[in-house]
Protein backbone atom coordinates (compact mmCIF):
# COMPACT_ATOMS: atom_id res chain seq x y z
CA MET A 1 69.77 -22.19 36.32
CA ALA A 2 67.72 -19.49 38.02
CA THR A 3 69.01 -17.84 41.18
CA THR A 4 67.79 -19.82 44.17
CA SER A 5 65.48 -17.30 45.80
CA PRO A 6 63.53 -18.08 49.00
CA GLY A 7 60.43 -18.60 46.89
CA ARG A 8 62.13 -21.10 44.61
CA ARG A 9 63.67 -22.95 47.54
CA ARG A 10 60.29 -23.39 49.20
CA ASP A 11 58.54 -24.34 45.97
CA ARG A 12 61.20 -26.96 45.31
CA GLN A 13 60.08 -28.70 48.49
CA VAL A 14 56.69 -29.34 46.91
CA TYR A 15 58.38 -31.58 44.35
CA LEU A 16 60.91 -33.14 46.70
CA ARG A 17 58.34 -34.09 49.31
CA SER A 18 55.26 -34.87 47.23
CA HIS A 19 56.71 -36.22 43.95
CA PRO A 20 60.40 -36.97 44.59
CA LEU A 21 60.83 -39.58 41.86
CA LEU A 22 59.14 -37.38 39.27
CA PHE A 23 61.34 -34.42 40.22
CA ALA A 24 64.49 -36.56 40.08
CA ILE A 25 63.63 -37.79 36.58
CA MET A 26 62.88 -34.27 35.34
CA ALA A 27 66.15 -32.95 36.75
CA ALA A 28 68.15 -35.80 35.22
CA VAL A 29 66.88 -35.33 31.65
CA ARG A 30 66.35 -31.59 31.35
CA ARG A 31 69.69 -30.98 29.58
CA TRP A 32 68.41 -32.78 26.45
CA PRO A 33 65.88 -30.93 24.24
CA VAL A 34 64.44 -34.29 23.17
CA LEU A 35 65.56 -37.64 24.54
CA ARG A 36 64.52 -41.12 23.48
CA LEU A 37 64.66 -43.91 26.06
CA GLY A 38 63.43 -47.05 24.33
CA ARG A 39 59.85 -46.39 23.23
CA THR A 40 59.57 -43.31 25.46
CA VAL A 41 60.42 -39.83 24.18
CA LEU A 42 60.96 -37.02 26.69
CA VAL A 43 60.42 -33.51 25.39
CA ASN A 44 61.92 -30.54 27.28
CA GLU A 45 62.72 -27.81 24.76
CA THR A 46 60.13 -25.10 24.05
CA ASP A 47 59.81 -25.42 20.28
CA ALA A 48 59.88 -29.22 20.42
CA TYR A 49 57.10 -29.14 23.03
CA VAL A 50 54.96 -26.95 20.77
CA GLN A 51 55.71 -29.24 17.83
CA ALA A 52 54.61 -32.28 19.82
CA MET A 53 51.39 -30.58 20.93
CA THR A 54 50.43 -29.20 17.53
CA GLY A 55 52.19 -31.26 14.85
CA LEU A 56 51.66 -34.87 15.90
CA VAL A 57 48.67 -37.16 15.78
CA LEU A 58 48.16 -38.29 19.38
CA ASP A 59 46.42 -41.41 20.67
CA ARG A 60 44.04 -40.11 23.33
CA THR A 61 43.14 -43.55 24.70
CA ALA A 62 46.54 -45.24 24.98
CA ALA A 63 47.53 -47.00 28.18
CA GLY A 64 49.47 -44.76 30.53
CA THR A 65 47.79 -41.54 29.39
CA THR A 66 45.04 -39.65 31.18
CA GLY A 67 42.55 -40.57 28.50
CA GLY A 68 43.52 -44.23 28.58
CA SER A 69 43.01 -44.48 32.33
CA ALA A 70 39.67 -42.70 32.09
CA ARG A 71 38.37 -44.95 29.33
CA ARG A 72 39.35 -48.14 31.14
CA LEU A 73 37.78 -46.99 34.38
CA THR A 74 34.57 -45.47 33.06
CA GLY A 75 33.83 -47.14 29.76
CA GLY A 76 34.68 -43.96 27.90
CA GLU A 77 32.21 -41.71 29.67
CA LEU A 78 34.33 -39.59 31.99
CA LEU A 79 37.30 -37.26 32.10
CA PHE A 80 39.56 -36.55 29.11
CA ASP A 81 39.25 -39.55 26.82
CA GLN A 82 36.85 -38.40 24.10
CA GLU A 83 37.96 -38.74 20.51
CA GLY A 84 37.13 -37.01 17.25
CA ALA A 85 33.79 -35.19 17.10
CA ALA A 86 32.97 -36.03 20.72
CA HIS A 87 36.23 -34.52 21.89
CA ARG A 88 35.73 -31.39 19.82
CA GLN A 89 32.16 -30.96 21.09
CA ALA A 90 33.29 -31.40 24.69
CA ARG A 91 35.91 -28.69 24.20
CA ARG A 92 33.33 -26.35 22.66
CA ASP A 93 30.96 -26.95 25.57
CA ALA A 94 33.71 -26.37 28.11
CA SER A 95 34.88 -23.23 26.33
CA SER A 96 31.36 -21.79 26.32
CA MET A 97 31.16 -22.27 30.09
CA LEU A 98 34.64 -20.91 30.78
CA ASN A 99 34.72 -17.93 28.41
CA SER A 100 34.86 -14.34 29.66
CA ALA A 101 31.10 -14.15 30.12
CA GLY A 102 31.05 -17.39 32.09
CA VAL A 103 33.88 -16.21 34.34
CA ALA A 104 32.19 -12.83 34.89
CA ARG A 105 28.98 -14.59 35.93
CA ILE A 106 30.53 -16.51 38.80
CA ARG A 107 33.40 -14.18 39.73
CA PRO A 108 31.42 -12.35 42.45
CA VAL A 109 30.81 -15.70 44.17
CA TRP A 110 34.49 -16.46 44.78
CA GLN A 111 35.33 -12.83 45.47
CA GLU A 112 32.85 -12.80 48.35
CA LEU A 113 34.18 -16.10 49.63
CA LEU A 114 37.72 -14.67 49.64
CA ARG A 115 36.54 -11.59 51.52
CA GLN A 116 34.96 -13.72 54.23
CA ARG A 117 37.66 -16.37 54.59
CA LEU A 118 40.57 -13.91 54.64
CA ALA A 119 38.96 -11.66 57.26
CA PRO A 120 40.85 -13.26 60.20
CA LEU A 121 44.08 -11.81 58.81
CA ALA A 122 42.91 -8.32 59.73
CA ALA A 123 42.73 -9.34 63.40
CA GLY A 124 46.19 -10.93 63.43
CA GLY A 125 44.95 -14.47 62.89
CA THR A 126 46.19 -17.10 60.48
CA VAL A 127 44.36 -18.79 57.60
CA ASP A 128 45.08 -21.95 55.63
CA LEU A 129 45.19 -21.00 51.97
CA VAL A 130 44.80 -24.62 50.85
CA GLN A 131 41.45 -24.96 52.63
CA ILE A 132 40.25 -21.61 51.32
CA VAL A 133 41.31 -22.35 47.75
CA ALA A 134 39.74 -25.83 47.85
CA GLU A 135 36.45 -24.27 48.92
CA MET A 136 36.80 -21.62 46.21
CA ALA A 137 37.46 -24.30 43.57
CA GLY A 138 34.52 -26.40 44.73
CA THR A 139 32.23 -23.37 44.82
CA THR A 140 33.33 -22.39 41.32
CA THR A 141 32.68 -25.90 40.04
CA VAL A 142 29.18 -26.23 41.44
CA SER A 143 28.36 -22.72 40.19
CA LEU A 144 29.53 -23.56 36.69
CA LEU A 145 27.51 -26.78 36.71
CA ASP A 146 24.43 -25.30 38.43
CA LEU A 147 24.52 -27.95 41.14
CA ASP A 148 23.10 -27.81 44.66
CA VAL A 149 25.91 -29.80 46.24
CA ASP A 150 28.32 -29.06 49.09
CA PRO A 151 31.34 -27.43 47.35
CA LEU A 152 33.77 -28.96 49.84
CA LEU A 153 32.45 -32.45 49.09
CA VAL A 154 32.93 -31.87 45.36
CA ALA A 155 36.44 -30.51 45.92
CA SER A 156 37.39 -33.47 48.12
CA ALA A 157 35.99 -36.00 45.65
CA ALA A 158 37.69 -34.37 42.66
CA ARG A 159 41.04 -34.31 44.45
CA ALA A 160 40.70 -37.96 45.50
CA ALA A 161 39.72 -39.12 42.00
CA ALA A 162 42.65 -37.30 40.44
CA ALA A 163 45.11 -38.59 43.05
CA GLU A 164 44.11 -42.20 42.54
CA ALA A 165 44.10 -41.95 38.74
CA ALA A 166 47.48 -40.21 38.70
CA ARG A 167 49.12 -43.21 40.35
CA GLU A 168 48.53 -45.09 37.10
CA GLN A 169 50.50 -42.54 35.07
CA LEU A 170 53.31 -41.33 37.33
CA PRO A 171 56.50 -43.35 37.87
CA GLY A 172 56.61 -45.50 40.99
CA TRP A 173 55.22 -48.72 42.44
CA ARG A 174 51.49 -49.38 42.17
CA ARG A 175 49.77 -50.19 45.43
CA ALA A 176 47.75 -53.35 46.00
CA GLY A 177 44.10 -52.65 45.25
CA GLN A 178 44.94 -49.55 43.22
CA ASP A 179 42.39 -50.30 40.49
CA ARG A 180 39.57 -50.74 43.00
CA ASN A 181 40.52 -47.58 44.91
CA THR A 182 40.57 -45.55 41.72
CA GLN A 183 37.20 -46.86 40.61
CA VAL A 184 35.62 -46.05 43.97
CA ALA A 185 36.98 -42.50 43.86
CA VAL A 186 35.79 -41.90 40.29
CA ASP A 187 32.33 -43.30 41.06
CA ARG A 188 32.01 -41.09 44.15
CA LEU A 189 32.73 -37.98 42.11
CA ALA A 190 30.30 -39.03 39.38
CA ASP A 191 27.53 -39.56 41.94
CA LEU A 192 28.02 -36.06 43.35
CA LEU A 193 27.79 -34.51 39.89
CA ARG A 194 24.58 -36.21 38.78
CA GLY A 195 22.16 -33.62 37.44
CA ALA A 196 24.80 -31.16 36.23
CA ASN A 197 23.82 -28.84 33.38
CA THR A 198 26.25 -30.75 31.15
CA GLY A 199 26.75 -34.41 30.35
CA ASP A 200 28.24 -36.48 33.16
CA GLY A 201 31.56 -36.77 31.33
CA LEU A 202 32.04 -33.04 30.83
CA ALA A 203 30.97 -32.34 34.42
CA SER A 204 33.62 -34.69 35.77
CA MET A 205 36.24 -33.29 33.40
CA ILE A 206 35.55 -29.74 34.60
CA ALA A 207 35.51 -30.75 38.27
CA VAL A 208 38.77 -32.69 38.15
CA ALA A 209 40.62 -30.07 36.11
CA ALA A 210 39.28 -26.98 37.88
CA VAL A 211 39.69 -28.25 41.42
CA ASN A 212 43.08 -29.91 41.13
CA THR A 213 44.86 -27.24 39.11
CA THR A 214 43.46 -24.46 41.31
CA VAL A 215 44.43 -26.16 44.58
CA ALA A 216 47.87 -26.97 43.21
CA THR A 217 48.62 -23.53 41.78
CA ILE A 218 47.21 -20.75 43.95
CA PRO A 219 48.75 -21.71 47.33
CA ARG A 220 52.15 -22.23 45.68
CA ALA A 221 51.85 -18.83 43.99
CA VAL A 222 50.93 -17.18 47.29
CA ALA A 223 53.91 -18.79 49.02
CA TRP A 224 56.23 -17.54 46.28
CA CYS A 225 54.81 -14.01 46.64
CA ALA A 226 55.31 -14.12 50.39
CA ASP A 227 58.84 -15.52 50.30
CA ASP A 228 60.13 -13.23 47.54
CA ARG A 229 58.23 -10.17 48.80
CA LEU A 230 56.20 -9.61 45.66
CA TRP A 231 53.17 -8.08 47.37
CA SER A 232 53.92 -4.58 46.09
CA HIS A 233 53.58 -5.98 42.56
CA ALA A 234 50.32 -7.71 43.49
CA ALA A 235 48.98 -4.39 44.78
CA ASP A 236 49.82 -2.61 41.51
CA PRO A 237 46.91 -2.88 39.00
CA GLU A 238 49.32 -2.59 36.08
CA LEU A 239 51.77 -5.20 37.30
CA LEU A 240 49.24 -7.66 38.73
CA PRO A 241 48.32 -9.30 35.37
CA LYS A 242 52.01 -9.76 34.57
CA LEU A 243 52.67 -11.19 38.02
CA VAL A 244 49.79 -13.63 37.55
CA THR A 245 51.20 -14.83 34.22
CA GLU A 246 54.67 -15.23 35.68
CA LEU A 247 53.44 -17.13 38.74
CA LEU A 248 51.37 -19.46 36.59
CA ARG A 249 54.48 -20.08 34.50
CA VAL A 250 56.78 -20.98 37.38
CA THR A 251 54.23 -23.03 39.33
CA VAL A 252 52.96 -24.83 36.17
CA ALA A 253 50.21 -26.93 37.71
CA SER A 254 50.72 -29.93 35.40
CA PRO A 255 54.52 -30.15 35.05
CA VAL A 256 54.45 -33.36 33.00
CA LEU A 257 51.93 -34.41 30.35
CA PRO A 258 51.90 -38.12 29.39
CA ARG A 259 50.80 -38.67 25.80
CA ALA A 260 51.10 -41.34 23.11
CA VAL A 261 51.85 -41.11 19.38
CA ALA A 262 49.21 -42.38 16.94
CA ALA A 263 51.10 -41.84 13.66
CA PRO A 264 54.75 -41.41 12.62
CA GLY A 265 56.27 -37.96 12.87
CA GLU A 266 59.23 -35.98 14.17
CA ILE A 267 59.95 -33.83 17.22
CA GLY A 268 63.02 -31.64 17.32
CA GLY A 269 64.80 -33.85 14.81
CA CYS A 270 63.90 -37.06 16.67
CA PRO A 271 61.71 -39.49 14.68
CA VAL A 272 58.69 -40.84 16.57
CA HIS A 273 56.55 -43.82 15.72
CA ALA A 274 53.00 -44.94 16.36
CA GLY A 275 52.87 -46.41 19.85
CA ASP A 276 55.71 -44.32 21.26
CA ARG A 277 55.03 -42.81 24.67
CA LEU A 278 55.61 -39.06 25.02
CA ILE A 279 56.54 -37.31 28.24
CA LEU A 280 56.00 -33.61 27.57
CA VAL A 281 57.71 -31.63 30.33
CA ALA A 282 55.69 -28.42 30.45
CA ARG A 283 57.81 -27.10 33.32
CA HIS A 284 60.90 -27.07 31.14
CA ALA A 285 59.12 -25.86 28.00
CA ALA A 286 57.86 -22.83 29.94
CA ARG A 287 61.39 -22.37 31.37
CA ALA A 288 60.12 -22.45 34.93
CA HIS A 289 63.41 -24.02 35.99
CA LEU A 290 65.48 -21.21 34.45
CA SER A 291 63.88 -17.99 35.70
CA GLY A 292 61.69 -16.99 38.59
CA PRO A 293 58.59 -14.78 38.44
CA ASP A 294 59.52 -11.30 37.26
CA PRO A 295 56.53 -9.05 36.45
CA VAL A 296 58.83 -6.16 35.55
CA ASN A 297 60.73 -8.17 32.90
CA PRO A 298 58.37 -11.07 32.19
CA THR A 299 59.06 -14.07 29.99
CA ALA A 300 57.76 -13.80 26.43
CA PRO A 301 54.01 -14.56 26.27
CA ARG A 302 54.47 -17.33 23.71
CA ILE A 303 56.55 -19.21 26.30
CA ALA A 304 54.55 -18.35 29.41
CA GLN A 305 51.27 -19.51 27.86
CA LEU A 306 52.65 -23.03 27.30
CA VAL A 307 51.58 -23.97 30.83
CA PHE A 308 48.08 -24.06 29.29
CA GLY A 309 49.12 -26.21 26.33
CA ALA A 310 49.35 -25.16 22.70
CA GLY A 311 47.15 -24.98 19.63
CA THR A 312 43.97 -27.03 19.73
CA HIS A 313 45.24 -28.64 22.94
CA SER A 314 45.20 -25.35 24.87
CA CYS A 315 43.29 -25.41 28.14
CA PRO A 316 39.87 -23.73 27.87
CA GLY A 317 40.09 -22.80 31.56
CA ALA A 318 43.08 -20.46 31.21
CA GLY A 319 40.96 -17.33 31.67
CA LEU A 320 39.36 -18.75 34.79
CA ALA A 321 42.76 -19.66 36.26
CA ARG A 322 44.13 -16.17 35.64
CA ALA A 323 41.06 -14.47 37.13
CA GLN A 324 41.06 -16.58 40.29
CA LEU A 325 44.77 -16.12 40.95
CA ALA A 326 44.53 -12.38 40.27
CA ASP A 327 41.62 -11.99 42.70
CA THR A 328 43.36 -14.04 45.38
CA LEU A 329 46.57 -12.01 45.14
CA ALA A 330 44.67 -8.72 45.09
CA ALA A 331 42.70 -9.75 48.18
CA LEU A 332 45.89 -10.75 50.02
CA ALA A 333 48.08 -7.83 48.95
CA PRO A 334 46.87 -5.38 51.65
CA TYR A 335 47.89 -7.89 54.33
CA ARG A 336 51.32 -8.68 52.80
CA PRO A 337 51.11 -12.13 54.43
CA THR A 338 54.04 -14.29 55.38
CA VAL A 339 54.07 -18.10 55.53
CA VAL A 340 53.99 -19.54 59.05
CA ARG A 341 53.52 -23.22 58.17
CA ALA A 342 53.77 -25.25 54.97
CA ARG A 343 53.34 -28.98 54.47
CA ALA A 344 53.50 -30.74 51.11
CA ASP A 345 50.67 -33.01 49.98
CA ARG A 346 52.17 -36.46 49.43
CA ARG A 347 48.94 -37.87 47.97
CA ALA A 348 47.96 -35.16 45.50
CA ALA A 349 47.86 -35.80 41.76
CA LEU A 350 49.81 -32.59 41.15
CA PRO A 351 52.65 -31.01 43.14
CA ALA A 352 50.80 -29.12 45.86
CA TRP A 353 50.73 -28.01 49.47
CA ALA A 354 48.51 -29.89 51.91
CA THR A 355 48.68 -26.94 54.31
CA LEU A 356 49.82 -23.38 53.77
CA ARG A 357 49.09 -21.16 56.77
CA VAL A 358 49.78 -17.44 56.41
CA ARG A 359 49.64 -14.44 58.74
CA ALA A 360 49.50 -10.74 57.92
CA VAL A 361 52.63 -8.70 58.41
CA ALA A 362 52.11 -5.89 60.91
CA ARG A 363 51.40 -2.63 59.12
């Protein structure tokens, strides 16, 4: 187990306060590389995780998976439920928008937003990183999709849609009216994204993924930097990329990936069968629970990159995520901010802060 640094202690509160049951389950099973519980197979170990992501045939529309929820709610038109050629085309389209040229096109937009929103720090004021990052994520989304829509409305709708849909996949009691609430949230997001330069399904996929992972990751990474005094690393152009990779590894935006098996196979010596449910614990595969962020002696790249998936299931937005976190840390580094208030988001789809207020340290 990693040394319990101030950064790790604070980040642990995100899980304990926002997703306590999920965190308890992860902690209870992490000693087993692969563990079968009835028809559910939990995968923790690095190589077994990669094997599950790259060596199994997965059912993308099974009940209890992200794709299954999306198909039931939208008739197969939204989010991550495409199959076969449609799925491959959607990934190609997303990759073309999120490649290095696409990131370079919109990077000045969020850099200017950061400059403006962080300005109060110079006068001794405080800023809420969650609000700033939500606006940045919404602005990035509407820029990618060439939409003339309020970025904050898009960010709010994407967060609400993800939060409602996640209740179908995470452990815990379902609320009365959950199906109706989820449908309303998904429809609201779809209405805002009408007229995007992509199909409606890809637009919603990009909005949900970009907004929720960004809002979950960047404030947590900033808090870890502040608590463990990593700002000197953030200010070093050579160490900053390594710090970004390490922070993405330990904050792993999507700690658990629910999947389903479509054909027989094997993971880490454990046979799996069609219809089995997989719980892929990305947090454990990336060893986020074993070591904190260390840009001087970083974790091997093949392990750190697992927070973005593996093989053909790798996230096409990895470059965007790295660029946005790097720019946020670089913009904050001169202020060496400290956290003055943090409150976990109990409704979010992913472990996240609802509020993270920071103030510059006197220089």
